[in-house]
Amino acid sequence: MSSKAWTLPDQRVPSSTLAADGLDDALPLSPPGSPQVPPRLLDQVRHQVRYRHYSIRTEEAYVHWVRAFIRYHGLRHPAELSRSEVESFLAWLAAERQVSASTHRQALSALLFLYQQVLGLTLPWMGEIGRPHTERRVPVVLSPDEVSRLLAALAAQPQHGRLLGLLGQLLYGTGMRLLEALRLRVKDVEFEQRAIIVREGKGSKDRVVMLPASLDLPLRAHLADVKAQWQLDRAQGLAGVHLPGALARKYPRAAESWSWHWVMPQAEPAVDPRSGVRRRHHLLEGFFQRAFRRALQDAGIHKPATPHTLRHSFATHLLQSGYDIRTVQELLGHSDVSTTMIYTHVLRMGGHAVHSPLDRLADPGAGDATAFAGPRRTFEPPMPSGWSAAAGGKSGARRAREPSPPCYTPTQPLPSASPRCPVTPNSPAAATSAS
């Protein structure tokens, strides 16, 4: 290896080329005068991610893209690379690997994090790299009949069918993400309040969702079995469950308590990859994902559905039932209502949208367009409490708006009872916006 050394702020980096078998051993960064072996490059990435309290998924993604970036450029050190190398790597991802726009943005964010937060470099070209265009896709949504068939297929699995069926019902009945449901603690299930508290969801946000009444007895029976397993762990001296943050030091006995135990624990203990302690973890995502794919085949559902599809179906079916979009936004935990608005695109599909003129050909004897158009169901948020369309009314009923009288052009006689027509915009831009 070359003896060339170059300096970062308060740090020394001994090599410009990374060994093929020592990628993680590159970029030693240590305090001045420290005798211990300096940390590795990817360890520094992990340290900076944890310092900012990012999620474990963000840490895994950033480490993955930093490693891929270095290997793509022949194990050269990132500090020796510039804008052209960064853009060539991103272009390779988009053109050769054909990754999605969201994956492209994730890789770019990881590289900017590497240069700005880990290497401490702020270069002018970092703000000039183009970001991919955001693509908004219509989510995959299952019909109520498909959801029923899917949940039945989950419960009919030959192994752990009862657990899988309960987890599937919990995902569809509450709209939780899969990892949020797997990380549930016993203390977060409020049977008396009919509520479930989701802790540290996406973006480290807490929220409250409903506990379906139909899951009250099944969930109580499941927790009774889990408690018997927990009591056996305590009798065998097994270490307690993982606690977030520094709670294990603040409350040394909390990890072994029943209230902090997992609602969905694994059948067998495993070794914690960070601490090396053998303890019981919650169910892994892959366990349910594999069972979900088998259930799709058994139910005869030919859609590219995933466990997250149950969350999409939850939101869509609530909107179809007449719940306002702000309520659905709070249940889903979205920061912006525009994210929840994507489900309104699903509402306008099929019979909830404009009827095709092809349907008119099936009934040529119909005299007008409304004779075979059928009832139109459009989503309208409920009116505030006490509001009424009628003047001075307090009733919850809403009066239909009367159609406006026909408008006439200035060359035609204007009836005395008819209102004048609105002024037609003269400019092309205004006319386009009005249409």
Protein backbone atom coordinates (compact mmCIF):
# COMPACT_ATOMS: atom_id res chain seq x y z
CA MET A 1 0.00 0.00 0.00
CA SER A 2 1.14 3.52 -0.67
CA SER A 3 2.67 5.56 2.12
CA LYS A 4 0.96 8.69 0.91
CA ALA A 5 -1.12 10.34 3.60
CA TRP A 6 -3.65 13.12 3.41
CA THR A 7 -5.43 15.06 6.12
CA LEU A 8 -9.06 15.70 6.98
CA PRO A 9 -10.14 18.08 9.74
CA ASP A 10 -8.58 16.74 12.96
CA GLN A 11 -8.13 13.32 11.35
CA ARG A 12 -5.40 11.35 9.55
CA VAL A 13 -6.07 8.91 6.73
CA PRO A 14 -3.07 6.68 5.93
CA SER A 15 -3.91 5.33 2.49
CA SER A 16 -5.37 6.42 -0.83
CA THR A 17 -6.18 2.89 -1.99
CA LEU A 18 -8.37 0.43 -0.08
CA ALA A 19 -7.28 -3.18 0.11
CA ALA A 20 -9.59 -5.60 -1.63
CA ASP A 21 -9.99 -7.69 1.52
CA GLY A 22 -10.04 -4.76 3.92
CA LEU A 23 -12.72 -2.36 2.80
CA ASP A 24 -14.05 -2.03 6.33
CA ASP A 25 -10.49 -1.46 7.58
CA ALA A 26 -10.06 1.71 5.54
CA LEU A 27 -10.07 5.30 6.74
CA PRO A 28 -8.77 5.11 10.31
CA LEU A 29 -10.08 8.15 12.15
CA SER A 30 -9.02 8.59 15.76
CA PRO A 31 -8.60 11.42 18.27
CA PRO A 32 -5.12 12.97 18.43
CA GLY A 33 -2.79 11.00 20.65
CA SER A 34 -5.09 7.99 20.90
CA PRO A 35 -3.11 4.73 21.11
CA GLN A 36 -5.97 2.38 20.19
CA VAL A 37 -6.67 1.11 16.69
CA PRO A 38 -8.70 3.77 14.89
CA PRO A 39 -12.23 2.92 13.71
CA ARG A 40 -12.93 1.82 10.19
CA LEU A 41 -14.69 3.80 7.47
CA LEU A 42 -18.01 1.97 7.60
CA ASP A 43 -17.89 2.05 11.39
CA GLN A 44 -17.61 5.82 11.13
CA VAL A 45 -20.68 5.85 8.92
CA ARG A 46 -22.56 3.79 11.50
CA HIS A 47 -21.37 6.08 14.28
CA GLN A 48 -22.59 9.22 12.54
CA VAL A 49 -25.95 7.63 11.73
CA ARG A 50 -26.46 6.59 15.35
CA TYR A 51 -25.27 9.97 16.59
CA ARG A 52 -28.19 11.54 14.70
CA HIS A 53 -30.63 8.90 15.99
CA TYR A 54 -31.51 7.62 12.54
CA SER A 55 -33.26 4.26 12.31
CA ILE A 56 -31.48 0.95 11.94
CA ARG A 57 -32.87 0.67 8.41
CA THR A 58 -31.26 3.99 7.46
CA GLU A 59 -27.97 2.77 8.88
CA GLU A 60 -28.10 -0.44 6.88
CA ALA A 61 -28.99 1.39 3.66
CA TYR A 62 -26.25 4.02 4.01
CA VAL A 63 -23.58 1.43 4.78
CA HIS A 64 -24.70 -0.62 1.78
CA TRP A 65 -24.47 2.28 -0.69
CA VAL A 66 -21.14 3.55 0.66
CA ARG A 67 -19.66 0.07 0.26
CA ALA A 68 -21.10 -0.25 -3.27
CA PHE A 69 -19.75 3.18 -4.26
CA ILE A 70 -16.21 2.33 -3.12
CA ARG A 71 -16.21 -1.05 -4.84
CA TYR A 72 -17.57 0.47 -8.06
CA HIS A 73 -14.52 2.77 -8.26
CA GLY A 74 -11.95 0.05 -7.66
CA LEU A 75 -11.58 0.55 -3.88
CA ARG A 76 -10.35 4.12 -4.25
CA HIS A 77 -10.88 6.32 -1.23
CA PRO A 78 -14.03 8.51 -1.43
CA ALA A 79 -12.05 11.66 -0.58
CA GLU A 80 -10.09 11.23 -3.82
CA LEU A 81 -13.28 11.05 -5.88
CA SER A 82 -15.19 14.06 -7.15
CA ARG A 83 -18.46 15.00 -8.76
CA SER A 84 -17.83 13.06 -11.97
CA GLU A 85 -17.26 9.80 -10.07
CA VAL A 86 -20.38 10.31 -7.96
CA GLU A 87 -22.50 11.05 -11.04
CA SER A 88 -21.06 8.11 -12.95
CA PHE A 89 -22.00 5.77 -10.10
CA LEU A 90 -25.55 7.18 -9.96
CA ALA A 91 -25.83 6.99 -13.76
CA TRP A 92 -24.75 3.35 -13.63
CA LEU A 93 -27.48 2.64 -11.08
CA ALA A 94 -30.14 4.33 -13.21
CA ALA A 95 -29.07 3.13 -16.67
CA GLU A 96 -27.43 -0.25 -16.12
CA ARG A 97 -29.04 -1.48 -12.94
CA GLN A 98 -32.34 0.29 -13.75
CA VAL A 99 -33.13 1.03 -10.12
CA SER A 100 -36.26 2.96 -9.20
CA ALA A 101 -36.27 6.69 -8.54
CA SER A 102 -36.62 6.12 -4.78
CA THR A 103 -33.57 3.81 -4.75
CA HIS A 104 -31.66 6.40 -6.79
CA ARG A 105 -32.49 9.10 -4.23
CA GLN A 106 -31.51 6.82 -1.38
CA ALA A 107 -28.08 6.15 -2.89
CA LEU A 108 -27.53 9.86 -3.48
CA SER A 109 -28.50 10.69 0.10
CA ALA A 110 -26.07 8.06 1.38
CA LEU A 111 -23.18 9.53 -0.62
CA LEU A 112 -23.95 13.09 0.46
CA PHE A 113 -24.07 11.87 4.06
CA LEU A 114 -20.67 10.22 3.59
CA TYR A 115 -19.02 13.37 2.26
CA GLN A 116 -20.68 15.94 4.50
CA GLN A 117 -21.09 14.15 7.84
CA VAL A 118 -18.37 11.45 7.84
CA LEU A 119 -15.54 13.02 5.83
CA GLY A 120 -16.45 16.56 6.81
CA LEU A 121 -16.26 17.84 3.23
CA THR A 122 -18.63 20.47 1.90
CA LEU A 123 -17.94 20.94 -1.79
CA PRO A 124 -19.82 23.22 -4.22
CA TRP A 125 -20.80 20.38 -6.54
CA MET A 126 -22.75 18.55 -3.83
CA GLY A 127 -25.72 20.86 -4.20
CA GLU A 128 -25.63 20.72 -7.99
CA ILE A 129 -26.13 16.98 -8.46
CA GLY A 130 -29.53 16.42 -9.98
CA ARG A 131 -32.07 14.36 -8.10
CA PRO A 132 -34.34 11.94 -9.97
CA HIS A 133 -37.90 12.88 -10.75
CA THR A 134 -40.42 11.76 -8.15
CA GLU A 135 -42.77 9.09 -9.45
CA ARG A 136 -46.16 8.71 -7.84
CA ARG A 137 -47.62 5.23 -8.25
CA VAL A 138 -51.16 4.09 -7.52
CA PRO A 139 -50.92 1.59 -4.64
CA VAL A 140 -52.05 -2.01 -4.94
CA VAL A 141 -55.34 -2.42 -3.08
CA LEU A 142 -57.25 -5.60 -2.34
CA SER A 143 -61.02 -5.74 -2.40
CA PRO A 144 -62.84 -6.74 0.83
CA ASP A 145 -63.51 -10.19 -0.66
CA GLU A 146 -59.81 -10.63 -1.50
CA VAL A 147 -58.83 -9.54 2.00
CA SER A 148 -61.18 -12.11 3.51
CA ARG A 149 -59.76 -14.88 1.32
CA LEU A 150 -56.20 -13.83 2.11
CA LEU A 151 -56.73 -13.76 5.87
CA ALA A 152 -58.39 -17.17 5.71
CA ALA A 153 -55.44 -18.53 3.75
CA LEU A 154 -53.01 -17.13 6.33
CA ALA A 155 -54.90 -18.77 9.18
CA ALA A 156 -54.93 -22.06 7.26
CA GLN A 157 -51.13 -22.29 7.01
CA PRO A 158 -49.92 -25.69 8.24
CA GLN A 159 -47.40 -24.11 10.64
CA HIS A 160 -48.17 -21.17 12.93
CA GLY A 161 -51.46 -20.57 11.13
CA ARG A 162 -53.14 -19.08 14.20
CA LEU A 163 -50.30 -16.60 14.72
CA LEU A 164 -50.13 -15.65 11.03
CA GLY A 165 -53.86 -15.13 10.81
CA LEU A 166 -53.86 -12.93 13.89
CA LEU A 167 -50.98 -10.83 12.58
CA GLY A 168 -52.68 -10.41 9.20
CA GLN A 169 -55.91 -9.28 10.87
CA LEU A 170 -53.95 -6.86 13.03
CA LEU A 171 -52.27 -5.29 9.99
CA TYR A 172 -55.52 -4.86 8.07
CA GLY A 173 -57.58 -3.87 11.12
CA THR A 174 -55.24 -1.12 12.31
CA GLY A 175 -53.30 0.03 9.22
CA MET A 176 -49.96 -0.50 10.94
CA ARG A 177 -46.78 -1.16 9.02
CA LEU A 178 -45.41 -4.67 9.35
CA LEU A 179 -42.42 -3.67 11.48
CA GLU A 180 -44.64 -1.53 13.73
CA ALA A 181 -46.85 -4.55 14.45
CA LEU A 182 -43.86 -6.82 15.08
CA ARG A 183 -42.36 -4.35 17.55
CA LEU A 184 -45.49 -4.02 19.66
CA ARG A 185 -45.00 -4.39 23.41
CA VAL A 186 -47.57 -5.76 25.85
CA LYS A 187 -47.88 -2.37 27.55
CA ASP A 188 -48.92 -0.73 24.25
CA VAL A 189 -52.14 -2.74 23.92
CA GLU A 190 -55.00 -0.97 25.74
CA PHE A 191 -57.92 -3.39 25.90
CA GLU A 192 -60.07 -1.11 28.05
CA GLN A 193 -59.53 1.89 25.77
CA ARG A 194 -59.77 -0.25 22.62
CA ALA A 195 -56.56 1.33 21.39
CA ILE A 196 -53.02 0.37 20.37
CA ILE A 197 -50.14 2.80 20.83
CA VAL A 198 -47.59 2.64 18.04
CA ARG A 199 -44.19 3.63 19.46
CA GLU A 200 -41.42 5.08 17.30
CA GLY A 201 -43.09 4.52 13.97
CA LYS A 202 -41.69 5.84 10.74
CA GLY A 203 -39.89 9.10 11.50
CA SER A 204 -39.74 8.16 15.24
CA LYS A 205 -43.34 9.31 15.67
CA ASP A 206 -45.88 7.85 18.09
CA ARG A 207 -49.57 7.53 17.26
CA VAL A 208 -52.70 5.79 18.47
CA VAL A 209 -54.75 3.39 16.34
CA MET A 210 -57.92 1.50 17.10
CA LEU A 211 -58.03 -2.04 18.48
CA PRO A 212 -60.64 -3.89 16.41
CA ALA A 213 -63.39 -5.31 18.61
CA SER A 214 -63.22 -8.60 16.71
CA LEU A 215 -59.59 -9.02 17.84
CA ASP A 216 -60.25 -8.53 21.54
CA LEU A 217 -60.70 -12.19 22.49
CA PRO A 218 -58.17 -13.64 19.98
CA LEU A 219 -55.51 -11.18 21.11
CA ARG A 220 -56.16 -11.91 24.78
CA ALA A 221 -55.83 -15.63 24.13
CA HIS A 222 -52.60 -15.05 22.19
CA LEU A 223 -51.12 -12.97 25.01
CA ALA A 224 -51.99 -15.71 27.50
CA ASP A 225 -49.85 -18.14 25.49
CA VAL A 226 -47.07 -15.54 25.19
CA LYS A 227 -47.12 -14.96 28.95
CA ALA A 228 -46.62 -18.67 29.61
CA GLN A 229 -43.59 -18.54 27.31
CA TRP A 230 -42.31 -15.42 29.11
CA GLN A 231 -42.62 -17.16 32.50
CA LEU A 232 -40.58 -20.07 31.16
CA ASP A 233 -37.86 -17.66 29.98
CA ARG A 234 -37.67 -16.13 33.44
CA ALA A 235 -37.43 -19.55 35.06
CA GLN A 236 -34.57 -20.49 32.70
CA GLY A 237 -32.70 -17.24 33.38
CA LEU A 238 -32.85 -16.02 29.77
CA ALA A 239 -31.86 -12.39 29.24
CA GLY A 240 -34.66 -9.87 28.86
CA VAL A 241 -35.84 -8.35 25.62
CA HIS A 242 -34.11 -5.48 23.87
CA LEU A 243 -35.00 -2.02 25.15
CA PRO A 244 -34.68 1.18 23.10
CA GLY A 245 -32.08 3.80 23.92
CA ALA A 246 -30.57 3.73 27.38
CA LEU A 247 -33.65 2.34 29.15
CA ALA A 248 -31.79 -0.87 29.98
CA ARG A 249 -29.36 1.15 32.13
CA LYS A 250 -32.03 3.41 33.60
CA TYR A 251 -34.39 0.53 34.45
CA PRO A 252 -32.24 -2.63 34.81
CA ARG A 253 -35.21 -4.92 35.50
CA ALA A 254 -37.51 -3.56 32.80
CA ALA A 255 -36.17 -5.87 30.08
CA GLU A 256 -37.36 -8.90 32.07
CA SER A 257 -40.78 -7.46 32.91
CA TRP A 258 -44.00 -8.65 31.30
CA SER A 259 -45.10 -5.17 30.24
CA TRP A 260 -42.03 -4.72 27.98
CA HIS A 261 -42.26 -8.17 26.41
CA TRP A 262 -43.05 -8.56 22.71
CA VAL A 263 -46.61 -9.17 21.57
CA MET A 264 -45.22 -11.17 18.62
CA PRO A 265 -42.13 -12.98 19.97
CA GLN A 266 -40.06 -15.56 18.14
CA ALA A 267 -40.50 -19.21 18.97
CA GLU A 268 -36.79 -19.64 19.81
CA PRO A 269 -34.24 -17.26 21.37
CA ALA A 270 -31.45 -15.86 19.22
CA VAL A 271 -28.20 -13.93 19.64
CA ASP A 272 -28.47 -10.14 19.46
CA PRO A 273 -26.19 -9.06 16.56
CA ARG A 274 -25.12 -5.87 18.35
CA SER A 275 -24.67 -6.91 21.96
CA GLY A 276 -24.03 -10.63 21.48
CA VAL A 277 -26.56 -11.46 24.22
CA ARG A 278 -28.82 -14.45 23.72
CA ARG A 279 -32.39 -13.27 24.19
CA ARG A 280 -35.84 -13.53 22.64
CA HIS A 281 -36.56 -11.21 19.74
CA HIS A 282 -39.76 -10.30 17.98
CA LEU A 283 -40.80 -12.08 14.79
CA LEU A 284 -38.72 -11.29 11.75
CA GLU A 285 -40.28 -9.61 8.74
CA GLY A 286 -39.18 -12.39 6.40
CA PHE A 287 -41.16 -14.95 8.40
CA PHE A 288 -44.46 -13.23 7.69
CA GLN A 289 -43.51 -12.14 4.17
CA ARG A 290 -42.90 -15.72 3.07
CA ALA A 291 -46.17 -16.86 4.60
CA PHE A 292 -47.94 -13.93 2.91
CA ARG A 293 -46.70 -15.01 -0.53
CA ARG A 294 -47.92 -18.56 0.08
CA ALA A 295 -51.30 -17.26 1.20
CA LEU A 296 -51.65 -15.18 -1.97
CA GLN A 297 -51.23 -18.30 -4.07
CA ASP A 298 -53.61 -20.34 -1.92
CA ALA A 299 -56.25 -17.59 -2.12
CA GLY A 300 -55.92 -17.30 -5.91
CA ILE A 301 -55.03 -13.58 -5.78
CA HIS A 302 -52.96 -12.56 -8.79
CA LYS A 303 -51.79 -9.12 -7.69
CA PRO A 304 -48.28 -7.94 -6.75
CA ALA A 305 -49.37 -7.64 -3.13
CA THR A 306 -47.12 -7.48 -0.08
CA PRO A 307 -47.91 -7.19 3.64
CA HIS A 308 -47.90 -3.40 3.10
CA THR A 309 -50.87 -3.89 0.76
CA LEU A 310 -53.00 -4.54 3.83
CA ARG A 311 -52.18 -1.00 4.99
CA HIS A 312 -53.20 0.39 1.58
CA SER A 313 -56.44 -1.59 1.72
CA PHE A 314 -57.14 -0.34 5.25
CA ALA A 315 -56.89 3.30 4.17
CA THR A 316 -58.86 2.85 0.96
CA HIS A 317 -61.70 0.96 2.59
CA LEU A 318 -62.00 3.60 5.32
CA LEU A 319 -62.32 6.35 2.72
CA GLN A 320 -64.88 4.31 0.82
CA SER A 321 -66.86 4.00 4.06
CA GLY A 322 -67.09 7.79 4.30
CA TYR A 323 -64.41 8.65 6.87
CA ASP A 324 -62.71 11.99 6.26
CA ILE A 325 -59.20 12.02 4.94
CA ARG A 326 -57.72 13.85 7.95
CA THR A 327 -58.83 11.04 10.24
CA VAL A 328 -57.26 8.47 7.95
CA GLN A 329 -54.10 10.60 7.84
CA GLU A 330 -53.76 10.49 11.63
CA LEU A 331 -54.37 6.75 11.75
CA LEU A 332 -51.69 6.14 9.14
CA GLY A 333 -49.22 8.52 10.78
CA HIS A 334 -48.61 10.65 7.68
CA SER A 335 -47.01 14.05 8.31
CA ASP A 336 -48.62 15.58 5.23
CA VAL A 337 -52.15 15.01 3.98
CA SER A 338 -50.81 14.96 0.42
CA THR A 339 -49.33 11.54 1.17
CA THR A 340 -52.76 10.26 2.17
CA MET A 341 -54.34 11.81 -0.91
CA ILE A 342 -52.88 9.03 -3.07
CA TYR A 343 -55.68 6.77 -1.86
CA THR A 344 -58.26 9.07 -3.42
CA HIS A 345 -56.91 7.98 -6.81
CA VAL A 346 -58.05 4.46 -6.00
CA LEU A 347 -61.51 5.76 -5.08
CA ARG A 348 -61.93 7.15 -8.58
CA MET A 349 -61.36 3.74 -10.15
CA GLY A 350 -64.13 1.54 -11.53
CA GLY A 351 -67.69 2.40 -10.53
CA HIS A 352 -66.58 5.41 -8.49
CA ALA A 353 -65.46 7.34 -11.57
CA VAL A 354 -66.89 8.50 -14.87
CA HIS A 355 -68.79 5.80 -16.71
CA SER A 356 -67.37 4.72 -20.03
CA PRO A 357 -69.32 5.57 -23.21
CA LEU A 358 -68.92 1.92 -24.15
CA ASP A 359 -71.55 1.09 -21.55
CA ARG A 360 -74.05 3.22 -23.48
CA LEU A 361 -73.72 0.98 -26.51
CA ALA A 362 -75.06 -1.93 -24.50
CA ASP A 363 -78.39 -0.07 -24.08
CA PRO A 364 -79.01 1.86 -27.32
CA GLY A 365 -82.65 2.47 -26.40
CA ALA A 366 -81.76 4.77 -23.52
CA GLY A 367 -82.85 8.31 -24.19
CA ASP A 368 -80.43 10.28 -22.08
CA ALA A 369 -77.07 9.84 -20.50
CA THR A 370 -78.42 9.56 -16.95
CA ALA A 371 -80.72 6.66 -17.78
CA PHE A 372 -77.90 4.13 -17.67
CA ALA A 373 -75.16 6.02 -15.88
CA GLY A 374 -76.19 4.52 -12.55
CA PRO A 375 -75.67 6.15 -9.19
CA ARG A 376 -72.46 8.10 -8.83
CA ARG A 377 -70.69 7.74 -5.53
CA THR A 378 -68.17 10.44 -4.79
CA PHE A 379 -66.15 10.85 -1.63
CA GLU A 380 -67.10 13.86 0.46
CA PRO A 381 -65.72 14.43 3.96
CA PRO A 382 -68.39 14.59 6.69
CA MET A 383 -69.60 18.06 7.64
CA PRO A 384 -68.53 19.49 11.01
CA SER A 385 -70.77 18.79 13.97
CA GLY A 386 -73.90 20.95 13.99
CA TRP A 387 -73.39 22.15 10.45
CA SER A 388 -76.24 22.20 7.98
CA ALA A 389 -76.45 23.32 4.39
CA ALA A 390 -79.75 25.00 5.10
CA ALA A 391 -79.48 28.50 6.49
CA GLY A 392 -79.80 28.55 10.25
CA GLY A 393 -80.30 24.77 10.45
CA LYS A 394 -78.59 22.50 12.99
CA SER A 395 -79.56 19.21 11.43
CA GLY A 396 -76.91 16.83 10.11
CA ALA A 397 -78.85 16.33 6.86
CA ARG A 398 -77.42 17.97 3.78
CA ARG A 399 -79.72 19.55 1.23
CA ALA A 400 -78.97 18.99 -2.42
CA ARG A 401 -77.92 22.10 -4.31
CA GLU A 402 -80.44 23.29 -6.90
CA PRO A 403 -79.18 23.47 -10.49
CA SER A 404 -78.34 26.95 -11.73
CA PRO A 405 -80.60 28.51 -14.40
CA PRO A 406 -79.23 28.39 -17.95
CA CYS A 407 -76.97 31.17 -19.11
CA TYR A 408 -77.60 33.15 -22.29
CA THR A 409 -75.21 34.92 -24.61
CA PRO A 410 -75.48 38.72 -24.90
CA THR A 411 -77.14 38.37 -28.34
CA GLN A 412 -80.08 36.50 -26.81
CA PRO A 413 -82.81 38.02 -24.70
CA LEU A 414 -81.99 37.67 -21.01
CA PRO A 415 -84.93 36.59 -18.82
CA SER A 416 -85.45 38.81 -15.83
CA ALA A 417 -85.20 35.90 -13.40
CA SER A 418 -81.95 34.51 -14.82
CA PRO A 419 -78.55 35.56 -13.52
CA ARG A 420 -75.97 37.00 -15.83
CA CYS A 421 -73.27 34.64 -17.06
CA PRO A 422 -69.75 34.94 -15.66
CA VAL A 423 -67.26 36.81 -17.78
CA THR A 424 -65.29 34.50 -20.06
CA PRO A 425 -61.51 34.93 -19.61
CA ASN A 426 -59.82 36.53 -22.58
CA SER A 427 -56.26 35.28 -22.16
CA PRO A 428 -55.40 31.74 -23.28
CA ALA A 429 -53.76 31.00 -19.92
CA ALA A 430 -56.86 31.98 -18.01
CA ALA A 431 -59.05 29.98 -20.33
CA THR A 432 -56.86 26.94 -19.86
CA SER A 433 -56.92 27.20 -16.07
CA ALA A 434 -60.67 27.68 -16.07
CA SER A 435 -61.16 24.46 -18.00
